[in-house]
N, C-alpha and C. Protein backbone atom coordinates (compact mmCIF):
# COMPACT_ATOMS: atom_id res chain seq x y z
N MET A 1 30.27 -31.15 -30.82
CA MET A 1 30.71 -30.08 -29.94
C MET A 1 29.74 -28.91 -29.98
N LYS A 2 29.30 -28.58 -31.17
CA LYS A 2 28.38 -27.46 -31.31
C LYS A 2 27.06 -27.77 -30.60
N ARG A 3 26.60 -29.00 -30.71
CA ARG A 3 25.35 -29.42 -30.06
C ARG A 3 25.49 -29.37 -28.53
N GLY A 4 26.65 -29.78 -28.02
CA GLY A 4 26.91 -29.74 -26.58
C GLY A 4 26.92 -28.32 -26.05
N LEU A 5 27.48 -27.40 -26.82
CA LEU A 5 27.52 -25.99 -26.43
C LEU A 5 26.10 -25.40 -26.40
N GLN A 6 25.28 -25.75 -27.38
CA GLN A 6 23.90 -25.28 -27.41
C GLN A 6 23.12 -25.80 -26.20
N LEU A 7 23.31 -27.09 -25.89
CA LEU A 7 22.63 -27.68 -24.76
C LEU A 7 23.07 -27.01 -23.45
N SER A 8 24.35 -26.72 -23.32
CA SER A 8 24.87 -26.04 -22.13
C SER A 8 24.28 -24.65 -21.99
N LEU A 9 24.17 -23.93 -23.11
CA LEU A 9 23.58 -22.58 -23.07
C LEU A 9 22.11 -22.64 -22.69
N ILE A 10 21.39 -23.62 -23.19
CA ILE A 10 19.97 -23.75 -22.85
C ILE A 10 19.81 -24.04 -21.36
N VAL A 11 20.59 -24.97 -20.83
CA VAL A 11 20.53 -25.30 -19.40
C VAL A 11 20.88 -24.07 -18.56
N LEU A 12 21.89 -23.33 -18.97
CA LEU A 12 22.29 -22.13 -18.25
C LEU A 12 21.18 -21.08 -18.26
N MET A 13 20.53 -20.87 -19.39
CA MET A 13 19.45 -19.87 -19.49
C MET A 13 18.24 -20.29 -18.66
N VAL A 14 17.88 -21.57 -18.70
CA VAL A 14 16.74 -22.04 -17.92
C VAL A 14 17.01 -21.88 -16.43
N SER A 15 18.20 -22.24 -15.98
CA SER A 15 18.53 -22.08 -14.57
C SER A 15 18.53 -20.61 -14.16
N TYR A 16 18.98 -19.73 -15.05
CA TYR A 16 18.95 -18.29 -14.77
C TYR A 16 17.50 -17.81 -14.64
N LEU A 17 16.64 -18.22 -15.55
CA LEU A 17 15.24 -17.81 -15.48
C LEU A 17 14.55 -18.32 -14.22
N LEU A 18 14.87 -19.54 -13.82
CA LEU A 18 14.26 -20.08 -12.60
C LEU A 18 14.70 -19.33 -11.36
N THR A 19 15.96 -18.94 -11.29
CA THR A 19 16.43 -18.19 -10.12
C THR A 19 16.00 -16.73 -10.18
N ALA A 20 15.73 -16.20 -11.35
CA ALA A 20 15.31 -14.81 -11.48
C ALA A 20 13.84 -14.62 -11.17
N CYS A 21 13.08 -15.70 -11.05
CA CYS A 21 11.64 -15.61 -10.83
C CYS A 21 11.29 -15.76 -9.35
N ASN A 22 12.08 -15.20 -8.46
CA ASN A 22 11.77 -15.23 -7.04
C ASN A 22 10.54 -14.39 -6.78
N THR A 23 9.76 -14.76 -5.76
CA THR A 23 8.58 -13.97 -5.44
C THR A 23 9.02 -12.68 -4.75
N VAL A 24 8.29 -11.64 -5.00
CA VAL A 24 8.54 -10.36 -4.36
C VAL A 24 7.67 -10.31 -3.11
N ASP A 25 8.27 -10.02 -1.97
CA ASP A 25 7.55 -9.99 -0.71
C ASP A 25 6.92 -8.62 -0.49
N LEU A 26 6.05 -8.25 -1.43
CA LEU A 26 5.52 -6.90 -1.44
C LEU A 26 4.19 -6.88 -2.16
N TYR A 27 3.26 -6.07 -1.65
CA TYR A 27 2.02 -5.78 -2.35
C TYR A 27 1.85 -4.27 -2.28
N GLU A 28 1.64 -3.66 -3.42
CA GLU A 28 1.35 -2.22 -3.44
C GLU A 28 0.38 -1.95 -4.56
N LYS A 29 -0.71 -1.30 -4.21
CA LYS A 29 -1.71 -0.94 -5.21
C LYS A 29 -2.40 0.34 -4.77
N SER A 30 -2.63 1.20 -5.74
CA SER A 30 -3.35 2.45 -5.48
C SER A 30 -4.54 2.56 -6.41
N ALA A 31 -5.55 3.26 -5.96
CA ALA A 31 -6.73 3.53 -6.77
C ALA A 31 -6.75 5.01 -7.12
N SER A 32 -6.98 5.31 -8.38
CA SER A 32 -7.11 6.70 -8.81
C SER A 32 -8.41 7.28 -8.27
N ILE A 33 -8.34 8.50 -7.80
CA ILE A 33 -9.52 9.18 -7.26
C ILE A 33 -10.22 9.90 -8.41
N PRO A 34 -11.49 9.57 -8.68
CA PRO A 34 -12.21 10.20 -9.79
C PRO A 34 -12.28 11.71 -9.63
N GLY A 35 -11.87 12.42 -10.67
CA GLY A 35 -11.93 13.87 -10.68
C GLY A 35 -11.03 14.54 -9.66
N HIS A 36 -10.10 13.79 -9.09
CA HIS A 36 -9.18 14.30 -8.06
C HIS A 36 -9.93 14.91 -6.89
N ALA A 37 -11.12 14.37 -6.61
CA ALA A 37 -11.94 14.81 -5.48
C ALA A 37 -12.47 13.55 -4.79
N TRP A 38 -11.90 13.19 -3.64
CA TRP A 38 -12.21 11.95 -2.96
C TRP A 38 -13.50 12.09 -2.18
N ALA A 39 -14.58 11.58 -2.74
CA ALA A 39 -15.89 11.58 -2.07
C ALA A 39 -15.89 10.49 -1.00
N SER A 40 -16.59 10.74 0.09
CA SER A 40 -16.64 9.74 1.17
C SER A 40 -17.31 8.45 0.71
N SER A 41 -18.11 8.53 -0.34
CA SER A 41 -18.77 7.33 -0.86
C SER A 41 -17.82 6.46 -1.70
N PHE A 42 -16.68 7.00 -2.12
CA PHE A 42 -15.69 6.23 -2.89
C PHE A 42 -14.73 5.56 -1.92
N LYS A 43 -14.84 4.23 -1.83
CA LYS A 43 -14.06 3.47 -0.85
C LYS A 43 -13.26 2.39 -1.58
N PRO A 44 -12.03 2.71 -1.99
CA PRO A 44 -11.24 1.72 -2.72
C PRO A 44 -10.89 0.52 -1.85
N SER A 45 -10.95 -0.67 -2.46
CA SER A 45 -10.62 -1.92 -1.77
C SER A 45 -9.39 -2.55 -2.39
N PHE A 46 -8.64 -3.24 -1.55
CA PHE A 46 -7.39 -3.87 -1.97
C PHE A 46 -7.36 -5.29 -1.42
N THR A 47 -7.20 -6.27 -2.30
CA THR A 47 -7.21 -7.67 -1.91
C THR A 47 -5.88 -8.31 -2.26
N PHE A 48 -5.33 -9.05 -1.32
CA PHE A 48 -4.06 -9.73 -1.54
C PHE A 48 -4.06 -11.01 -0.71
N THR A 49 -3.14 -11.91 -1.03
CA THR A 49 -3.04 -13.19 -0.35
C THR A 49 -1.78 -13.24 0.50
N ILE A 50 -1.95 -13.67 1.73
CA ILE A 50 -0.83 -13.88 2.64
C ILE A 50 -0.62 -15.38 2.78
N ARG A 51 0.58 -15.83 2.50
CA ARG A 51 0.92 -17.24 2.65
C ARG A 51 1.78 -17.49 3.89
N ASP A 52 2.68 -16.56 4.17
CA ASP A 52 3.64 -16.74 5.26
C ASP A 52 3.19 -15.93 6.47
N THR A 53 2.73 -16.62 7.51
CA THR A 53 2.27 -15.94 8.72
C THR A 53 3.34 -15.95 9.81
N SER A 54 4.50 -16.49 9.52
CA SER A 54 5.55 -16.59 10.53
C SER A 54 6.46 -15.36 10.57
N VAL A 55 6.32 -14.48 9.60
CA VAL A 55 7.18 -13.29 9.55
C VAL A 55 6.36 -12.03 9.82
N ALA A 56 7.04 -11.00 10.25
CA ALA A 56 6.41 -9.70 10.52
C ALA A 56 6.25 -8.93 9.21
N TYR A 57 5.25 -8.09 9.16
CA TYR A 57 4.98 -7.26 7.99
C TYR A 57 4.89 -5.80 8.41
N LYS A 58 5.04 -4.93 7.44
CA LYS A 58 4.78 -3.50 7.60
C LYS A 58 3.62 -3.16 6.67
N MET A 59 2.70 -2.33 7.15
CA MET A 59 1.59 -1.88 6.34
C MET A 59 1.62 -0.36 6.25
N PHE A 60 1.47 0.14 5.03
CA PHE A 60 1.53 1.58 4.78
C PHE A 60 0.27 2.05 4.07
N PHE A 61 -0.17 3.25 4.39
CA PHE A 61 -1.18 3.95 3.61
C PHE A 61 -0.42 4.86 2.65
N VAL A 62 -0.78 4.80 1.37
CA VAL A 62 -0.11 5.59 0.34
C VAL A 62 -1.12 6.57 -0.24
N ILE A 63 -0.77 7.85 -0.24
CA ILE A 63 -1.66 8.87 -0.80
C ILE A 63 -0.85 9.82 -1.65
N ARG A 64 -1.41 10.17 -2.80
CA ARG A 64 -0.81 11.18 -3.68
C ARG A 64 -1.79 12.34 -3.78
N HIS A 65 -1.26 13.56 -3.68
CA HIS A 65 -2.09 14.76 -3.78
C HIS A 65 -1.28 15.89 -4.41
N THR A 66 -1.96 16.95 -4.77
CA THR A 66 -1.28 18.13 -5.30
C THR A 66 -0.93 19.06 -4.14
N ASP A 67 -0.13 20.08 -4.45
CA ASP A 67 0.22 21.06 -3.40
C ASP A 67 -0.96 21.94 -3.02
N LYS A 68 -2.07 21.82 -3.74
CA LYS A 68 -3.28 22.58 -3.40
C LYS A 68 -4.15 21.87 -2.36
N TYR A 69 -3.73 20.69 -1.92
CA TYR A 69 -4.47 19.98 -0.87
C TYR A 69 -4.52 20.90 0.35
N SER A 70 -5.68 21.07 0.95
CA SER A 70 -5.92 22.12 1.93
C SER A 70 -5.59 21.80 3.39
N PHE A 71 -5.17 20.57 3.67
CA PHE A 71 -5.01 20.18 5.07
C PHE A 71 -3.61 19.65 5.35
N ASN A 72 -3.22 19.67 6.63
CA ASN A 72 -1.94 19.10 7.06
C ASN A 72 -2.09 17.63 7.43
N ASN A 73 -3.32 17.10 7.37
CA ASN A 73 -3.56 15.73 7.78
C ASN A 73 -4.68 15.12 6.95
N ILE A 74 -4.96 13.86 7.24
CA ILE A 74 -6.13 13.19 6.67
C ILE A 74 -6.61 12.18 7.71
N TYR A 75 -7.91 12.06 7.84
CA TYR A 75 -8.51 11.05 8.70
C TYR A 75 -9.10 9.97 7.80
N ILE A 76 -8.75 8.71 8.12
CA ILE A 76 -9.26 7.59 7.33
C ILE A 76 -9.77 6.50 8.27
N ASN A 77 -10.64 5.66 7.74
CA ASN A 77 -11.02 4.39 8.37
C ASN A 77 -10.49 3.30 7.46
N ILE A 78 -10.05 2.22 8.07
CA ILE A 78 -9.66 1.05 7.29
C ILE A 78 -10.54 -0.10 7.74
N ILE A 79 -11.27 -0.66 6.80
CA ILE A 79 -12.17 -1.78 7.06
C ILE A 79 -11.47 -3.03 6.54
N SER A 80 -11.33 -4.03 7.39
CA SER A 80 -10.60 -5.23 6.99
C SER A 80 -11.51 -6.44 6.97
N LYS A 81 -11.24 -7.29 5.99
CA LYS A 81 -11.91 -8.59 5.93
C LYS A 81 -10.80 -9.62 5.90
N VAL A 82 -10.73 -10.41 6.97
CA VAL A 82 -9.66 -11.39 7.12
C VAL A 82 -10.23 -12.79 6.92
N PRO A 83 -9.39 -13.75 6.56
CA PRO A 83 -9.90 -15.12 6.33
C PRO A 83 -10.61 -15.68 7.56
N GLY A 84 -11.82 -16.19 7.34
CA GLY A 84 -12.57 -16.82 8.42
C GLY A 84 -13.22 -15.89 9.41
N ALA A 85 -13.29 -14.61 9.12
CA ALA A 85 -13.90 -13.65 10.06
C ALA A 85 -14.79 -12.68 9.30
N ASP A 86 -15.65 -12.02 10.05
CA ASP A 86 -16.49 -10.99 9.45
C ASP A 86 -15.69 -9.71 9.28
N THR A 87 -16.32 -8.74 8.66
CA THR A 87 -15.68 -7.45 8.46
C THR A 87 -15.45 -6.76 9.79
N ALA A 88 -14.27 -6.18 9.95
CA ALA A 88 -13.95 -5.41 11.16
C ALA A 88 -13.51 -4.03 10.73
N GLN A 89 -13.82 -3.04 11.51
CA GLN A 89 -13.48 -1.67 11.14
C GLN A 89 -12.57 -1.06 12.19
N THR A 90 -11.56 -0.37 11.75
CA THR A 90 -10.71 0.36 12.68
C THR A 90 -11.39 1.68 13.01
N GLY A 91 -10.94 2.29 14.07
CA GLY A 91 -11.44 3.62 14.40
C GLY A 91 -10.79 4.63 13.48
N PRO A 92 -11.13 5.89 13.64
CA PRO A 92 -10.53 6.91 12.79
C PRO A 92 -9.02 6.97 13.02
N LEU A 93 -8.29 6.99 11.92
CA LEU A 93 -6.84 7.11 11.98
C LEU A 93 -6.45 8.50 11.51
N PRO A 94 -5.93 9.34 12.41
CA PRO A 94 -5.44 10.65 11.98
C PRO A 94 -4.00 10.49 11.47
N LEU A 95 -3.78 10.85 10.24
CA LEU A 95 -2.45 10.72 9.63
C LEU A 95 -1.91 12.08 9.27
N GLU A 96 -0.73 12.39 9.76
CA GLU A 96 -0.10 13.68 9.52
C GLU A 96 0.55 13.70 8.14
N LEU A 97 0.26 14.72 7.36
CA LEU A 97 0.82 14.88 6.02
C LEU A 97 1.82 16.03 5.93
N ALA A 98 1.71 16.99 6.84
CA ALA A 98 2.60 18.17 6.80
C ALA A 98 2.70 18.78 8.19
N THR A 99 3.77 19.56 8.37
CA THR A 99 3.92 20.37 9.58
C THR A 99 4.22 21.80 9.14
N ASN A 100 4.00 22.72 10.05
CA ASN A 100 4.29 24.12 9.72
C ASN A 100 5.79 24.34 9.55
N GLU A 101 6.60 23.57 10.29
CA GLU A 101 8.05 23.73 10.23
C GLU A 101 8.66 23.10 8.98
N LYS A 102 8.22 21.89 8.64
CA LYS A 102 8.85 21.13 7.55
C LYS A 102 8.08 21.15 6.24
N GLY A 103 6.83 21.54 6.28
CA GLY A 103 6.01 21.45 5.06
C GLY A 103 5.53 20.02 4.86
N TRP A 104 5.34 19.62 3.59
CA TRP A 104 4.86 18.27 3.29
C TRP A 104 5.88 17.23 3.74
N LEU A 105 5.39 16.19 4.41
CA LEU A 105 6.23 15.08 4.87
C LEU A 105 6.16 13.97 3.82
N ALA A 106 6.61 14.28 2.62
CA ALA A 106 6.43 13.37 1.49
C ALA A 106 7.53 13.58 0.47
N THR A 107 7.56 12.67 -0.49
CA THR A 107 8.41 12.90 -1.65
C THR A 107 7.57 13.65 -2.66
N GLY A 108 8.20 14.53 -3.40
CA GLY A 108 7.44 15.32 -4.34
C GLY A 108 8.18 15.63 -5.62
N MET A 109 7.40 15.89 -6.64
CA MET A 109 7.95 16.33 -7.91
C MET A 109 6.97 17.37 -8.46
N ASP A 110 7.50 18.53 -8.74
CA ASP A 110 6.66 19.66 -9.16
C ASP A 110 5.62 19.92 -8.08
N ASP A 111 4.33 19.77 -8.41
CA ASP A 111 3.28 20.06 -7.44
C ASP A 111 2.56 18.80 -6.97
N ILE A 112 3.15 17.62 -7.14
CA ILE A 112 2.54 16.36 -6.72
C ILE A 112 3.38 15.73 -5.62
N TYR A 113 2.70 15.29 -4.55
CA TYR A 113 3.38 14.71 -3.38
C TYR A 113 2.82 13.32 -3.10
N GLU A 114 3.74 12.42 -2.72
CA GLU A 114 3.34 11.07 -2.35
C GLU A 114 3.81 10.77 -0.95
N HIS A 115 2.86 10.33 -0.11
CA HIS A 115 3.14 9.96 1.27
C HIS A 115 3.04 8.44 1.37
N ARG A 116 3.94 7.86 2.13
CA ARG A 116 3.90 6.43 2.47
C ARG A 116 3.97 6.39 3.99
N ILE A 117 2.80 6.26 4.62
CA ILE A 117 2.69 6.38 6.07
C ILE A 117 2.49 5.01 6.68
N GLN A 118 3.41 4.61 7.57
CA GLN A 118 3.31 3.30 8.19
C GLN A 118 2.13 3.26 9.15
N LEU A 119 1.27 2.25 8.99
CA LEU A 119 0.08 2.13 9.83
C LEU A 119 0.35 1.30 11.07
N SER A 120 1.14 0.27 10.94
CA SER A 120 1.48 -0.52 12.13
C SER A 120 2.52 0.26 12.93
N ASP A 121 2.48 0.10 14.24
CA ASP A 121 3.43 0.82 15.09
C ASP A 121 4.85 0.51 14.66
N ALA A 122 5.66 1.53 14.51
CA ALA A 122 7.02 1.37 14.00
C ALA A 122 7.85 0.45 14.89
N GLY A 123 7.63 0.46 16.18
CA GLY A 123 8.44 -0.35 17.08
C GLY A 123 7.89 -1.75 17.31
N LYS A 124 6.68 -2.02 16.82
CA LYS A 124 6.06 -3.32 17.07
C LYS A 124 5.96 -4.12 15.77
N ASP A 125 6.09 -5.43 15.91
CA ASP A 125 5.93 -6.30 14.76
C ASP A 125 4.45 -6.53 14.49
N PHE A 126 4.08 -6.60 13.22
CA PHE A 126 2.70 -6.84 12.80
C PHE A 126 2.67 -8.18 12.07
N TYR A 127 1.81 -9.08 12.52
CA TYR A 127 1.70 -10.40 11.91
C TYR A 127 0.27 -10.62 11.40
N PHE A 128 0.15 -11.24 10.25
CA PHE A 128 -1.13 -11.73 9.78
C PHE A 128 -1.33 -13.07 10.47
N ARG A 129 -2.48 -13.27 11.10
CA ARG A 129 -2.68 -14.47 11.93
C ARG A 129 -2.98 -15.72 11.13
N LYS A 130 -3.65 -15.57 9.99
CA LYS A 130 -4.03 -16.74 9.19
C LYS A 130 -3.58 -16.54 7.76
N PRO A 131 -3.17 -17.62 7.11
CA PRO A 131 -2.90 -17.50 5.67
C PRO A 131 -4.24 -17.37 4.93
N GLY A 132 -4.20 -16.72 3.80
CA GLY A 132 -5.41 -16.59 3.00
C GLY A 132 -5.55 -15.21 2.40
N GLU A 133 -6.76 -14.95 1.93
CA GLU A 133 -7.04 -13.70 1.22
C GLU A 133 -7.55 -12.63 2.19
N TYR A 134 -6.91 -11.48 2.13
CA TYR A 134 -7.27 -10.33 2.95
C TYR A 134 -7.77 -9.21 2.05
N THR A 135 -8.79 -8.50 2.51
CA THR A 135 -9.29 -7.33 1.80
C THR A 135 -9.34 -6.16 2.76
N PHE A 136 -8.72 -5.07 2.35
CA PHE A 136 -8.75 -3.83 3.13
C PHE A 136 -9.43 -2.75 2.29
N THR A 137 -10.38 -2.06 2.89
CA THR A 137 -11.10 -0.97 2.23
C THR A 137 -10.77 0.31 2.98
N VAL A 138 -10.46 1.36 2.22
CA VAL A 138 -10.07 2.64 2.81
C VAL A 138 -11.15 3.67 2.52
N GLU A 139 -11.55 4.39 3.56
CA GLU A 139 -12.50 5.49 3.36
C GLU A 139 -11.97 6.75 4.04
N GLN A 140 -12.15 7.86 3.36
CA GLN A 140 -11.76 9.14 3.97
C GLN A 140 -12.94 9.63 4.79
N ILE A 141 -12.64 10.18 5.98
CA ILE A 141 -13.70 10.65 6.87
C ILE A 141 -13.44 12.09 7.30
N MET A 142 -12.96 12.88 6.35
CA MET A 142 -12.72 14.29 6.63
C MET A 142 -14.06 15.04 6.58
N ARG A 143 -14.09 16.23 7.16
CA ARG A 143 -15.31 17.03 7.13
C ARG A 143 -15.60 17.55 5.73
N GLN A 144 -14.55 17.81 4.96
CA GLN A 144 -14.77 18.27 3.58
C GLN A 144 -15.10 17.06 2.72
N ASP A 145 -16.22 17.13 2.01
CA ASP A 145 -16.65 16.03 1.16
C ASP A 145 -17.24 16.60 -0.13
N PRO A 146 -16.59 16.38 -1.25
CA PRO A 146 -15.41 15.56 -1.47
C PRO A 146 -14.13 16.27 -1.03
N LEU A 147 -13.11 15.46 -0.81
CA LEU A 147 -11.79 15.94 -0.41
C LEU A 147 -11.01 16.24 -1.69
N LYS A 148 -10.83 17.52 -1.96
CA LYS A 148 -10.26 17.95 -3.25
C LYS A 148 -8.74 17.81 -3.31
N ASN A 149 -8.25 17.67 -4.54
CA ASN A 149 -6.82 17.61 -4.87
C ASN A 149 -6.12 16.33 -4.40
N VAL A 150 -6.88 15.25 -4.23
CA VAL A 150 -6.31 13.94 -3.94
C VAL A 150 -6.31 13.15 -5.24
N LEU A 151 -5.15 12.66 -5.63
CA LEU A 151 -4.99 11.96 -6.90
C LEU A 151 -5.21 10.46 -6.78
N SER A 152 -4.67 9.86 -5.70
CA SER A 152 -4.82 8.41 -5.51
C SER A 152 -4.62 8.06 -4.05
N ALA A 153 -5.13 6.87 -3.71
CA ALA A 153 -4.97 6.35 -2.35
C ALA A 153 -4.76 4.84 -2.47
N GLY A 154 -3.94 4.30 -1.59
CA GLY A 154 -3.68 2.87 -1.68
C GLY A 154 -3.02 2.30 -0.45
N LEU A 155 -2.62 1.03 -0.57
CA LEU A 155 -1.95 0.32 0.50
C LEU A 155 -0.66 -0.32 -0.01
N ARG A 156 0.27 -0.44 0.89
CA ARG A 156 1.53 -1.14 0.62
C ARG A 156 1.76 -2.09 1.79
N ILE A 157 2.00 -3.36 1.47
CA ILE A 157 2.30 -4.37 2.47
C ILE A 157 3.66 -4.94 2.10
N GLU A 158 4.58 -5.00 3.06
CA GLU A 158 5.89 -5.57 2.77
C GLU A 158 6.37 -6.39 3.97
N LYS A 159 7.13 -7.44 3.68
CA LYS A 159 7.72 -8.21 4.76
C LYS A 159 8.76 -7.36 5.46
N LYS A 160 8.77 -7.44 6.77
CA LYS A 160 9.74 -6.67 7.55
C LYS A 160 11.12 -7.30 7.37
N GLN A 161 12.10 -6.48 7.12
CA GLN A 161 13.46 -6.98 6.90
C GLN A 161 14.20 -7.11 8.21
């Protein structure tokens, strides 16, 4: 009886572990900005694998900065390398970080703010066309170089619910 109970507990734990190991439909990674001053020559890259091309995704630019950041916006380029294609570059993306009425459009704690700005149109579905490895490189193209008081920049990819 004792042996049967042990075997039952082992089977129960293994089945729990197998069901608890579901894949997370999310990629999020940020790169720390050296010296909290984002030089235009510093272009963080993010590589991830897409397996499911039948579902829509959301893509976000994630930036953390201090309250001493001097602008209400940021201009970035995103350079993409997709499976089976050469590098392609997007045009300048103006991203709003604050308004005069509302202040920072971000979550914040003390003097640090984090923005999660959706890059794909909110009303349109975004699909990855081919399964495989994707690399996105982000560069800041502001007139101020380096761009001071930026702590990190990154990307977040999630399956659309």
